[in-house]
Amino acid sequence: MIQEATAKTFDSLIDTEYAVVDCYGDFCGACVMLEPVYQEAAADLAGIRFVEINITHEWDIAERFGIDAMPTLLFFRNGQEVHRIEGSMDREELNRQIAVMLYE
């Protein structure tokens, strides 16, 4: 399950053992390409919270985290950012990036 965040709910959603946040925007082709991969991972991987935030509308989050490309995936462990990656990717690459969060 993917939870949609706003500036008001963002901090409470990432305050968990593991969270991955998809920072996407309106009219972003790469974001559209990443969406089914992200949804599949969210359905398959229990124990990780998957969050989406539309930074076109929630620009304060983009500013807070210095996001200047879409999509950007932010990886959090216990509420702290531990990793990030920009751009679309396939499921294999997303799994590798999640492993960075889990095991490093």
N, C-alpha and C. Protein backbone atom coordinates (compact mmCIF):
# COMPACT_ATOMS: atom_id res chain seq x y z
N MET A 1 0.84 -1.18 0.00
CA MET A 1 0.00 0.00 0.00
C MET A 1 0.89 1.24 0.00
N ILE A 2 0.53 2.19 -0.81
CA ILE A 2 1.26 3.45 -0.89
C ILE A 2 0.40 4.53 -0.23
N GLN A 3 1.04 5.31 0.63
CA GLN A 3 0.32 6.39 1.30
C GLN A 3 0.73 7.72 0.68
N GLU A 4 -0.25 8.56 0.40
CA GLU A 4 -0.01 9.89 -0.15
C GLU A 4 0.25 10.86 0.98
N ALA A 5 1.37 11.56 0.90
CA ALA A 5 1.75 12.50 1.95
C ALA A 5 1.46 13.94 1.54
N THR A 6 1.29 14.77 2.53
CA THR A 6 1.24 16.21 2.37
C THR A 6 2.33 16.77 3.29
N ALA A 7 2.53 18.06 3.22
CA ALA A 7 3.51 18.67 4.12
C ALA A 7 3.14 18.42 5.58
N LYS A 8 1.85 18.36 5.86
CA LYS A 8 1.39 18.15 7.24
C LYS A 8 1.59 16.71 7.72
N THR A 9 1.51 15.74 6.82
CA THR A 9 1.59 14.34 7.23
C THR A 9 2.95 13.70 6.97
N PHE A 10 3.81 14.40 6.24
CA PHE A 10 5.08 13.83 5.79
C PHE A 10 5.91 13.28 6.94
N ASP A 11 6.18 14.07 7.96
CA ASP A 11 7.06 13.64 9.04
C ASP A 11 6.52 12.41 9.78
N SER A 12 5.23 12.35 9.98
CA SER A 12 4.68 11.19 10.68
C SER A 12 4.76 9.93 9.81
N LEU A 13 4.69 10.08 8.49
CA LEU A 13 4.77 8.92 7.61
C LEU A 13 6.18 8.36 7.49
N ILE A 14 7.19 9.21 7.60
CA ILE A 14 8.56 8.70 7.49
C ILE A 14 9.12 8.26 8.85
N ASP A 15 8.38 8.54 9.91
CA ASP A 15 8.82 8.16 11.25
C ASP A 15 8.47 6.70 11.51
N THR A 16 9.20 5.82 10.85
CA THR A 16 9.02 4.38 10.94
C THR A 16 10.37 3.72 10.70
N GLU A 17 10.46 2.44 10.91
CA GLU A 17 11.75 1.78 10.75
C GLU A 17 12.32 1.98 9.35
N TYR A 18 11.51 1.69 8.32
CA TYR A 18 11.95 1.86 6.94
C TYR A 18 10.84 2.53 6.13
N ALA A 19 11.23 3.54 5.36
CA ALA A 19 10.27 4.21 4.48
C ALA A 19 10.97 4.60 3.19
N VAL A 20 10.23 4.48 2.09
CA VAL A 20 10.69 4.93 0.79
C VAL A 20 9.67 5.96 0.32
N VAL A 21 10.16 7.12 -0.11
CA VAL A 21 9.28 8.21 -0.53
C VAL A 21 9.54 8.52 -1.99
N ASP A 22 8.51 8.43 -2.80
CA ASP A 22 8.56 8.80 -4.21
C ASP A 22 8.14 10.26 -4.32
N CYS A 23 9.09 11.12 -4.65
CA CYS A 23 8.81 12.54 -4.86
C CYS A 23 8.59 12.73 -6.35
N TYR A 24 7.35 12.93 -6.72
CA TYR A 24 6.98 13.02 -8.13
C TYR A 24 6.35 14.37 -8.42
N GLY A 25 6.10 14.61 -9.69
CA GLY A 25 5.48 15.87 -10.06
C GLY A 25 4.51 15.72 -11.20
N ASP A 26 3.67 16.72 -11.34
CA ASP A 26 2.72 16.75 -12.45
C ASP A 26 3.49 16.83 -13.76
N PHE A 27 2.98 16.17 -14.77
CA PHE A 27 3.53 16.22 -16.12
C PHE A 27 4.96 15.69 -16.21
N CYS A 28 5.31 14.75 -15.38
CA CYS A 28 6.65 14.16 -15.35
C CYS A 28 6.59 12.78 -15.99
N GLY A 29 7.14 12.64 -17.18
CA GLY A 29 7.10 11.37 -17.89
C GLY A 29 7.84 10.26 -17.17
N ALA A 30 9.00 10.57 -16.60
CA ALA A 30 9.76 9.55 -15.87
C ALA A 30 9.00 9.09 -14.63
N CYS A 31 8.23 9.99 -14.04
CA CYS A 31 7.42 9.63 -12.86
C CYS A 31 6.35 8.62 -13.25
N VAL A 32 5.74 8.83 -14.41
CA VAL A 32 4.72 7.90 -14.91
C VAL A 32 5.33 6.53 -15.16
N MET A 33 6.55 6.50 -15.67
CA MET A 33 7.24 5.23 -15.93
C MET A 33 7.57 4.50 -14.63
N LEU A 34 7.92 5.24 -13.59
CA LEU A 34 8.27 4.63 -12.31
C LEU A 34 7.06 4.12 -11.54
N GLU A 35 5.90 4.73 -11.74
CA GLU A 35 4.73 4.42 -10.93
C GLU A 35 4.38 2.94 -10.84
N PRO A 36 4.28 2.18 -11.94
CA PRO A 36 3.92 0.76 -11.78
C PRO A 36 5.01 -0.05 -11.07
N VAL A 37 6.27 0.31 -11.25
CA VAL A 37 7.37 -0.37 -10.57
C VAL A 37 7.26 -0.12 -9.07
N TYR A 38 6.99 1.12 -8.70
CA TYR A 38 6.86 1.50 -7.30
C TYR A 38 5.65 0.81 -6.66
N GLN A 39 4.54 0.77 -7.38
CA GLN A 39 3.33 0.10 -6.87
C GLN A 39 3.57 -1.39 -6.65
N GLU A 40 4.27 -2.02 -7.57
CA GLU A 40 4.57 -3.44 -7.45
C GLU A 40 5.45 -3.70 -6.22
N ALA A 41 6.47 -2.88 -6.03
CA ALA A 41 7.35 -3.04 -4.86
C ALA A 41 6.56 -2.85 -3.57
N ALA A 42 5.68 -1.86 -3.54
CA ALA A 42 4.87 -1.60 -2.35
C ALA A 42 3.97 -2.79 -2.02
N ALA A 43 3.46 -3.44 -3.04
CA ALA A 43 2.59 -4.59 -2.82
C ALA A 43 3.37 -5.82 -2.35
N ASP A 44 4.63 -5.92 -2.76
CA ASP A 44 5.43 -7.11 -2.47
C ASP A 44 6.25 -7.05 -1.18
N LEU A 45 6.60 -5.86 -0.74
CA LEU A 45 7.58 -5.75 0.35
C LEU A 45 6.92 -5.29 1.64
N ALA A 46 6.61 -6.23 2.49
CA ALA A 46 6.05 -5.91 3.80
C ALA A 46 7.16 -5.37 4.69
N GLY A 47 6.80 -4.55 5.63
CA GLY A 47 7.78 -4.03 6.58
C GLY A 47 8.43 -2.73 6.14
N ILE A 48 8.12 -2.29 4.94
CA ILE A 48 8.63 -1.01 4.44
C ILE A 48 7.42 -0.15 4.12
N ARG A 49 7.43 1.08 4.60
CA ARG A 49 6.35 2.00 4.29
C ARG A 49 6.68 2.71 2.98
N PHE A 50 5.75 2.68 2.04
CA PHE A 50 5.90 3.35 0.76
C PHE A 50 5.00 4.58 0.76
N VAL A 51 5.62 5.71 0.42
CA VAL A 51 4.95 7.01 0.49
C VAL A 51 5.15 7.73 -0.84
N GLU A 52 4.17 8.49 -1.25
CA GLU A 52 4.28 9.36 -2.42
C GLU A 52 3.99 10.78 -1.98
N ILE A 53 4.70 11.72 -2.60
CA ILE A 53 4.40 13.12 -2.36
C ILE A 53 4.57 13.88 -3.67
N ASN A 54 3.54 14.63 -4.03
CA ASN A 54 3.57 15.42 -5.25
C ASN A 54 4.27 16.75 -4.94
N ILE A 55 5.52 16.84 -5.34
CA ILE A 55 6.28 18.04 -4.99
C ILE A 55 5.92 19.24 -5.85
N THR A 56 5.11 19.03 -6.88
CA THR A 56 4.59 20.16 -7.63
C THR A 56 3.68 20.99 -6.72
N HIS A 57 2.95 20.30 -5.85
CA HIS A 57 2.02 20.96 -4.94
C HIS A 57 2.63 21.17 -3.55
N GLU A 58 3.51 20.27 -3.16
CA GLU A 58 4.12 20.34 -1.82
C GLU A 58 5.58 20.80 -1.98
N TRP A 59 5.75 21.97 -2.55
CA TRP A 59 7.08 22.49 -2.87
C TRP A 59 7.96 22.69 -1.64
N ASP A 60 7.34 22.88 -0.47
CA ASP A 60 8.14 23.05 0.74
C ASP A 60 8.94 21.78 1.09
N ILE A 61 8.39 20.62 0.77
CA ILE A 61 9.13 19.37 0.99
C ILE A 61 10.30 19.30 0.01
N ALA A 62 10.05 19.67 -1.24
CA ALA A 62 11.13 19.68 -2.23
C ALA A 62 12.25 20.61 -1.79
N GLU A 63 11.90 21.74 -1.29
CA GLU A 63 12.90 22.70 -0.82
C GLU A 63 13.63 22.17 0.41
N ARG A 64 12.90 21.62 1.33
CA ARG A 64 13.49 21.08 2.57
C ARG A 64 14.53 20.02 2.30
N PHE A 65 14.28 19.16 1.30
CA PHE A 65 15.19 18.05 1.00
C PHE A 65 16.07 18.32 -0.22
N GLY A 66 15.99 19.52 -0.77
CA GLY A 66 16.85 19.86 -1.89
C GLY A 66 16.59 19.04 -3.13
N ILE A 67 15.32 18.76 -3.39
CA ILE A 67 14.96 17.95 -4.55
C ILE A 67 14.88 18.85 -5.78
N ASP A 68 15.68 18.51 -6.79
CA ASP A 68 15.67 19.31 -8.01
C ASP A 68 15.46 18.46 -9.27
N ALA A 69 15.11 17.19 -9.09
CA ALA A 69 14.82 16.30 -10.20
C ALA A 69 13.64 15.42 -9.83
N MET A 70 12.88 15.03 -10.84
CA MET A 70 11.74 14.15 -10.62
C MET A 70 11.86 12.96 -11.56
N PRO A 71 11.53 11.78 -11.09
CA PRO A 71 11.26 11.47 -9.69
C PRO A 71 12.55 11.38 -8.89
N THR A 72 12.42 11.62 -7.62
CA THR A 72 13.49 11.37 -6.66
C THR A 72 12.93 10.44 -5.60
N LEU A 73 13.64 9.37 -5.32
CA LEU A 73 13.26 8.47 -4.24
C LEU A 73 14.14 8.76 -3.04
N LEU A 74 13.50 8.99 -1.91
CA LEU A 74 14.19 9.21 -0.65
C LEU A 74 14.00 7.97 0.21
N PHE A 75 15.06 7.50 0.81
CA PHE A 75 15.03 6.30 1.64
C PHE A 75 15.31 6.72 3.08
N PHE A 76 14.42 6.32 3.98
CA PHE A 76 14.53 6.70 5.39
C PHE A 76 14.64 5.48 6.27
N ARG A 77 15.47 5.58 7.29
CA ARG A 77 15.56 4.57 8.34
C ARG A 77 15.35 5.32 9.65
N ASN A 78 14.30 4.93 10.38
CA ASN A 78 13.96 5.57 11.66
C ASN A 78 13.84 7.08 11.53
N GLY A 79 13.21 7.52 10.45
CA GLY A 79 12.94 8.94 10.24
C GLY A 79 14.08 9.77 9.70
N GLN A 80 15.24 9.14 9.45
CA GLN A 80 16.40 9.86 8.95
C GLN A 80 16.71 9.41 7.52
N GLU A 81 16.95 10.37 6.65
CA GLU A 81 17.30 10.03 5.27
C GLU A 81 18.66 9.33 5.26
N VAL A 82 18.70 8.17 4.59
CA VAL A 82 19.94 7.40 4.51
C VAL A 82 20.42 7.21 3.08
N HIS A 83 19.56 7.51 2.11
CA HIS A 83 19.92 7.27 0.71
C HIS A 83 18.92 8.00 -0.17
N ARG A 84 19.32 8.31 -1.40
CA ARG A 84 18.40 8.86 -2.38
C ARG A 84 18.90 8.51 -3.78
N ILE A 85 17.97 8.50 -4.71
CA ILE A 85 18.29 8.26 -6.11
C ILE A 85 17.30 9.04 -6.97
N GLU A 86 17.78 9.52 -8.09
CA GLU A 86 16.94 10.29 -9.01
C GLU A 86 16.68 9.49 -10.27
N GLY A 87 15.50 9.69 -10.85
CA GLY A 87 15.17 9.10 -12.14
C GLY A 87 14.35 7.83 -12.03
N SER A 88 13.84 7.43 -13.17
CA SER A 88 13.05 6.21 -13.25
C SER A 88 13.98 5.00 -13.24
N MET A 89 13.43 3.84 -12.91
CA MET A 89 14.23 2.61 -12.85
C MET A 89 13.31 1.41 -12.98
N ASP A 90 13.90 0.26 -13.26
CA ASP A 90 13.12 -0.97 -13.30
C ASP A 90 13.09 -1.58 -11.90
N ARG A 91 12.36 -2.66 -11.75
CA ARG A 91 12.17 -3.28 -10.44
C ARG A 91 13.48 -3.80 -9.87
N GLU A 92 14.33 -4.36 -10.71
CA GLU A 92 15.62 -4.88 -10.24
C GLU A 92 16.45 -3.76 -9.62
N GLU A 93 16.50 -2.62 -10.27
CA GLU A 93 17.26 -1.48 -9.74
C GLU A 93 16.61 -0.96 -8.46
N LEU A 94 15.30 -0.89 -8.42
CA LEU A 94 14.62 -0.44 -7.20
C LEU A 94 14.95 -1.38 -6.04
N ASN A 95 14.95 -2.68 -6.30
CA ASN A 95 15.32 -3.65 -5.26
C ASN A 95 16.74 -3.41 -4.75
N ARG A 96 17.67 -3.12 -5.67
CA ARG A 96 19.05 -2.84 -5.27
C ARG A 96 19.11 -1.59 -4.38
N GLN A 97 18.35 -0.58 -4.74
CA GLN A 97 18.35 0.66 -3.96
C GLN A 97 17.73 0.45 -2.58
N ILE A 98 16.69 -0.36 -2.50
CA ILE A 98 16.08 -0.68 -1.21
C ILE A 98 17.07 -1.47 -0.35
N ALA A 99 17.84 -2.35 -0.96
CA ALA A 99 18.85 -3.10 -0.21
C ALA A 99 19.89 -2.18 0.40
N VAL A 100 20.22 -1.10 -0.27
CA VAL A 100 21.16 -0.11 0.30
C VAL A 100 20.59 0.41 1.61
N MET A 101 19.30 0.74 1.61
CA MET A 101 18.66 1.26 2.82
C MET A 101 18.65 0.19 3.93
N LEU A 102 18.36 -1.03 3.57
CA LEU A 102 18.19 -2.08 4.55
C LEU A 102 19.50 -2.60 5.14
N TYR A 103 20.54 -2.67 4.32
CA TYR A 103 21.72 -3.42 4.72
C TYR A 103 22.99 -2.61 4.88
N GLU A 104 22.97 -1.34 4.54
CA GLU A 104 24.21 -0.57 4.70
C GLU A 104 24.11 0.37 5.86
